[in-house]
Amino acid sequence: MGLRLDEREAAGLVPRLVDHEQRRRQITDAVRRVIVGGGLEAVTFQTVAAEAGISVRLVQYYFGTKRDFLLATHRSVMEDAGARFMQRWTALGADATAREAIRAVLTELLPLDDQRREEVIVLGVFAWAAIGGQGITAEETFAAPRALVTIVADQLRRAQPHDSSGPGDPDRDAEIIAMATGGLAHGLLQGYGTAESALGLVEHLLDRILGAEVG
């Protein structure tokens, strides 16, 4: 019996017929679904291969270790969220206020649809894996919150009058916003509150830091 296409790919027999980035994405998407369905402990080469509909050998060809495809999955989630942020900002236009920009970013972090729900679950699982010492270090999970803090802090600085000498601290306020939004996201997953109440709390938080919106 001849080798399947994915087996020939893993053996290096059909390198020109495959988009390697697309194949890697097929695998990391499968990792996400396995995590959502059974947590990190459910992730193995076998379960990922079965979910992706390819051979174990092919998963091993693209990712030599479980840690490799876990970290690639983590990166893919952050890249997807980042791409949505950019789309939202582009849609807002050049005249968007700092508040509108921050609101757009925070809204993308809440599990308000299936894709965002999956991302919140996956990132949460990675965070708990780092806490529990399950092969992922805490440092490797910090890229997403650090990026969020940087984005929000930059927008908060933009909102401050250039001659302001008030008590505002954009970096610390951005940390508060990031932590609060993470809590809201996980609360929604657990059924604590609704999408409407979470969005209302985002507005309340922005009121506290930026001042109530006029008009």
Protein backbone atom coordinates (compact mmCIF):
# COMPACT_ATOMS: atom_id res chain seq x y z
CA MET A 1 0.00 0.00 0.00
CA GLY A 2 1.33 3.47 -0.89
CA LEU A 3 1.98 6.23 1.59
CA ARG A 4 -0.73 8.83 2.22
CA LEU A 5 -0.04 12.39 1.09
CA ASP A 6 0.69 13.58 4.62
CA GLU A 7 3.06 10.64 5.17
CA ARG A 8 4.90 11.41 1.94
CA GLU A 9 5.06 15.05 3.05
CA ALA A 10 6.59 14.02 6.38
CA ALA A 11 9.12 11.89 4.52
CA GLY A 12 10.10 14.91 2.40
CA LEU A 13 8.78 13.37 -0.80
CA VAL A 14 6.35 16.14 -1.80
CA PRO A 15 7.85 19.40 -0.52
CA ARG A 16 6.56 21.54 -3.38
CA LEU A 17 2.94 20.53 -2.98
CA VAL A 18 2.48 21.82 0.55
CA ASP A 19 2.12 25.30 2.04
CA HIS A 20 4.13 24.71 5.18
CA GLU A 21 2.72 27.68 7.07
CA GLN A 22 -0.79 26.52 6.27
CA ARG A 23 0.07 23.05 7.55
CA ARG A 24 1.52 24.44 10.77
CA ARG A 25 -1.62 26.48 11.23
CA GLN A 26 -3.75 23.38 10.65
CA ILE A 27 -1.90 21.73 13.52
CA THR A 28 -2.06 24.67 15.95
CA ASP A 29 -5.77 25.09 15.21
CA ALA A 30 -6.21 21.44 16.14
CA VAL A 31 -4.27 22.02 19.38
CA ARG A 32 -6.68 24.82 20.25
CA ARG A 33 -9.71 22.61 19.76
CA VAL A 34 -8.20 19.81 21.83
CA ILE A 35 -7.45 22.27 24.64
CA VAL A 36 -10.98 23.69 24.56
CA GLY A 37 -12.45 20.21 24.62
CA GLY A 38 -10.27 18.60 27.26
CA GLY A 39 -7.70 20.97 28.70
CA LEU A 40 -3.93 20.80 28.39
CA GLU A 41 -3.77 17.27 29.74
CA ALA A 42 -5.72 16.09 26.69
CA VAL A 43 -3.07 17.38 24.29
CA THR A 44 -0.81 14.68 22.86
CA PHE A 45 0.68 14.04 19.43
CA GLN A 46 -2.04 11.44 18.93
CA THR A 47 -5.01 13.63 19.87
CA VAL A 48 -3.71 16.58 17.86
CA ALA A 49 -3.11 14.41 14.80
CA ALA A 50 -6.59 12.91 15.07
CA GLU A 51 -8.20 16.35 15.45
CA ALA A 52 -6.26 17.72 12.48
CA GLY A 53 -6.99 14.63 10.37
CA ILE A 54 -3.32 13.92 9.66
CA SER A 55 -0.72 11.41 10.81
CA VAL A 56 1.21 11.58 14.07
CA ARG A 57 4.36 11.45 12.01
CA LEU A 58 3.41 14.65 10.22
CA VAL A 59 2.76 16.51 13.47
CA GLN A 60 6.21 15.38 14.62
CA TYR A 61 7.70 16.53 11.32
CA TYR A 62 6.52 20.09 11.91
CA PHE A 63 6.86 20.16 15.69
CA GLY A 64 9.52 17.98 17.24
CA THR A 65 8.11 18.19 20.76
CA LYS A 66 4.81 18.82 22.47
CA ARG A 67 6.29 21.99 23.92
CA ASP A 68 7.05 23.23 20.39
CA PHE A 69 3.47 22.99 19.19
CA LEU A 70 2.09 24.36 22.45
CA LEU A 71 4.21 27.51 22.19
CA ALA A 72 3.34 27.85 18.51
CA THR A 73 -0.34 27.61 19.45
CA HIS A 74 0.08 30.31 22.08
CA ARG A 75 1.70 32.58 19.49
CA SER A 76 -1.05 31.91 16.97
CA VAL A 77 -3.72 33.03 19.44
CA MET A 78 -1.90 36.29 20.11
CA GLU A 79 -1.34 36.89 16.40
CA ASP A 80 -5.04 36.39 15.67
CA ALA A 81 -6.04 38.81 18.41
CA GLY A 82 -3.45 41.33 17.19
CA ALA A 83 -4.79 41.11 13.65
CA ARG A 84 -8.30 41.85 14.90
CA PHE A 85 -7.04 44.84 16.90
CA MET A 86 -5.50 46.27 13.75
CA GLN A 87 -8.73 45.74 11.80
CA ARG A 88 -10.73 47.48 14.50
CA TRP A 89 -8.33 50.43 14.60
CA THR A 90 -8.38 50.75 10.83
CA ALA A 91 -12.17 50.75 10.89
CA LEU A 92 -12.20 53.47 13.57
CA GLY A 93 -10.16 55.79 11.36
CA ALA A 94 -7.40 58.27 12.07
CA ASP A 95 -9.66 60.56 14.12
CA ALA A 96 -10.54 57.93 16.74
CA THR A 97 -10.14 59.08 20.32
CA ALA A 98 -7.93 57.28 22.82
CA ARG A 99 -11.05 56.04 24.58
CA GLU A 100 -12.46 54.58 21.36
CA ALA A 101 -9.17 52.84 20.63
CA ILE A 102 -8.91 51.35 24.12
CA ARG A 103 -12.56 50.25 24.05
CA ALA A 104 -11.95 48.50 20.72
CA VAL A 105 -8.97 46.59 22.11
CA LEU A 106 -10.71 45.56 25.31
CA THR A 107 -13.84 44.43 23.49
CA GLU A 108 -11.72 42.08 21.39
CA LEU A 109 -10.44 40.44 24.58
CA LEU A 110 -13.88 39.50 25.89
CA PRO A 111 -15.38 36.12 24.92
CA LEU A 112 -18.29 37.58 23.01
CA ASP A 113 -18.25 35.05 20.15
CA ASP A 114 -16.92 31.55 19.52
CA GLN A 115 -13.50 32.64 18.31
CA ARG A 116 -12.84 34.98 21.22
CA ARG A 117 -14.19 32.42 23.66
CA GLU A 118 -11.73 29.84 22.32
CA GLU A 119 -8.86 32.30 22.65
CA VAL A 120 -9.70 33.20 26.24
CA ILE A 121 -9.92 29.53 27.18
CA VAL A 122 -6.61 28.67 25.49
CA LEU A 123 -4.71 31.59 27.02
CA GLY A 124 -6.21 30.82 30.42
CA VAL A 125 -5.12 27.18 30.16
CA PHE A 126 -1.59 28.28 29.33
CA ALA A 127 -1.56 30.64 32.31
CA TRP A 128 -2.63 27.85 34.67
CA ALA A 129 -0.07 25.51 33.11
CA ALA A 130 2.63 28.02 33.98
CA ILE A 131 1.36 28.32 37.54
CA GLY A 132 1.24 24.54 37.89
CA GLY A 133 4.64 23.95 36.34
CA GLN A 134 3.32 21.91 33.42
CA GLY A 135 6.20 22.56 31.04
CA ILE A 136 5.33 26.17 30.21
CA THR A 137 7.06 28.94 32.14
CA ALA A 138 5.24 32.02 33.38
CA GLU A 139 7.58 34.22 31.35
CA GLU A 140 6.40 32.52 28.17
CA THR A 141 2.79 33.53 28.88
CA PHE A 142 3.52 37.21 29.57
CA ALA A 143 3.77 38.44 25.97
CA ALA A 144 0.02 38.95 25.59
CA PRO A 145 -0.60 40.97 28.80
CA ARG A 146 2.57 42.99 28.25
CA ALA A 147 1.52 43.87 24.72
CA LEU A 148 -1.91 44.91 25.99
CA VAL A 149 -0.42 47.11 28.72
CA THR A 150 1.86 48.81 26.19
CA ILE A 151 -1.01 49.50 23.78
CA VAL A 152 -3.31 50.86 26.48
CA ALA A 153 -0.58 52.96 28.13
CA ASP A 154 0.26 54.57 24.80
CA GLN A 155 -3.40 55.50 24.28
CA LEU A 156 -3.69 56.86 27.83
CA ARG A 157 -0.68 59.11 27.21
CA ARG A 158 -2.32 60.33 24.03
CA ALA A 159 -5.42 61.23 26.03
CA GLN A 160 -3.48 63.35 28.53
CA PRO A 161 -3.15 67.09 27.86
CA HIS A 162 0.48 67.90 27.07
CA ASP A 163 0.60 70.42 29.90
CA SER A 164 -1.08 68.08 32.42
CA SER A 165 0.56 67.66 35.81
CA GLY A 166 -2.29 65.59 37.28
CA PRO A 167 -1.97 62.35 39.22
CA GLY A 168 -2.55 60.05 36.27
CA ASP A 169 0.00 57.29 35.72
CA PRO A 170 -0.57 55.74 32.27
CA ASP A 171 1.59 52.68 32.91
CA ARG A 172 -0.07 51.75 36.21
CA ASP A 173 -3.53 52.60 34.89
CA ALA A 174 -2.86 50.36 31.89
CA GLU A 175 -1.88 47.53 34.25
CA ILE A 176 -5.17 47.97 36.11
CA ILE A 177 -7.15 47.94 32.86
CA ALA A 178 -5.37 44.80 31.63
CA MET A 179 -5.90 42.92 34.90
CA ALA A 180 -9.54 43.99 35.15
CA THR A 181 -10.29 42.98 31.57
CA GLY A 182 -8.71 39.57 32.10
CA GLY A 183 -10.92 39.08 35.14
CA LEU A 184 -14.01 40.11 33.19
CA ALA A 185 -13.16 37.71 30.38
CA HIS A 186 -12.76 34.72 32.69
CA GLY A 187 -15.85 35.71 34.66
CA LEU A 188 -17.91 35.60 31.47
CA LEU A 189 -16.59 32.11 30.70
CA GLN A 190 -17.82 30.97 34.10
CA GLY A 191 -21.23 32.55 33.61
CA TYR A 192 -20.58 35.42 36.00
CA GLY A 193 -22.35 38.32 34.36
CA THR A 194 -23.46 38.82 30.79
CA ALA A 195 -21.88 40.34 27.70
CA GLU A 196 -23.94 43.47 28.31
CA SER A 197 -22.83 43.80 31.93
CA ALA A 198 -19.17 43.18 30.99
CA LEU A 199 -19.26 45.91 28.36
CA GLY A 200 -20.88 48.19 30.89
CA LEU A 201 -18.06 47.52 33.34
CA VAL A 202 -15.50 48.32 30.65
CA GLU A 203 -17.20 51.70 30.17
CA HIS A 204 -17.26 52.27 33.92
CA LEU A 205 -13.56 51.49 34.18
CA LEU A 206 -12.76 53.89 31.35
CA ASP A 207 -14.90 56.55 33.07
CA ARG A 208 -12.87 56.13 36.26
CA ILE A 209 -9.55 56.51 34.46
CA LEU A 210 -10.33 58.85 31.57
CA GLY A 211 -13.34 60.69 32.99
CA ALA A 212 -16.96 60.28 32.01
CA GLU A 213 -17.67 60.50 28.31
CA VAL A 214 -19.37 63.74 27.31
CA GLY A 215 -22.39 63.72 25.07
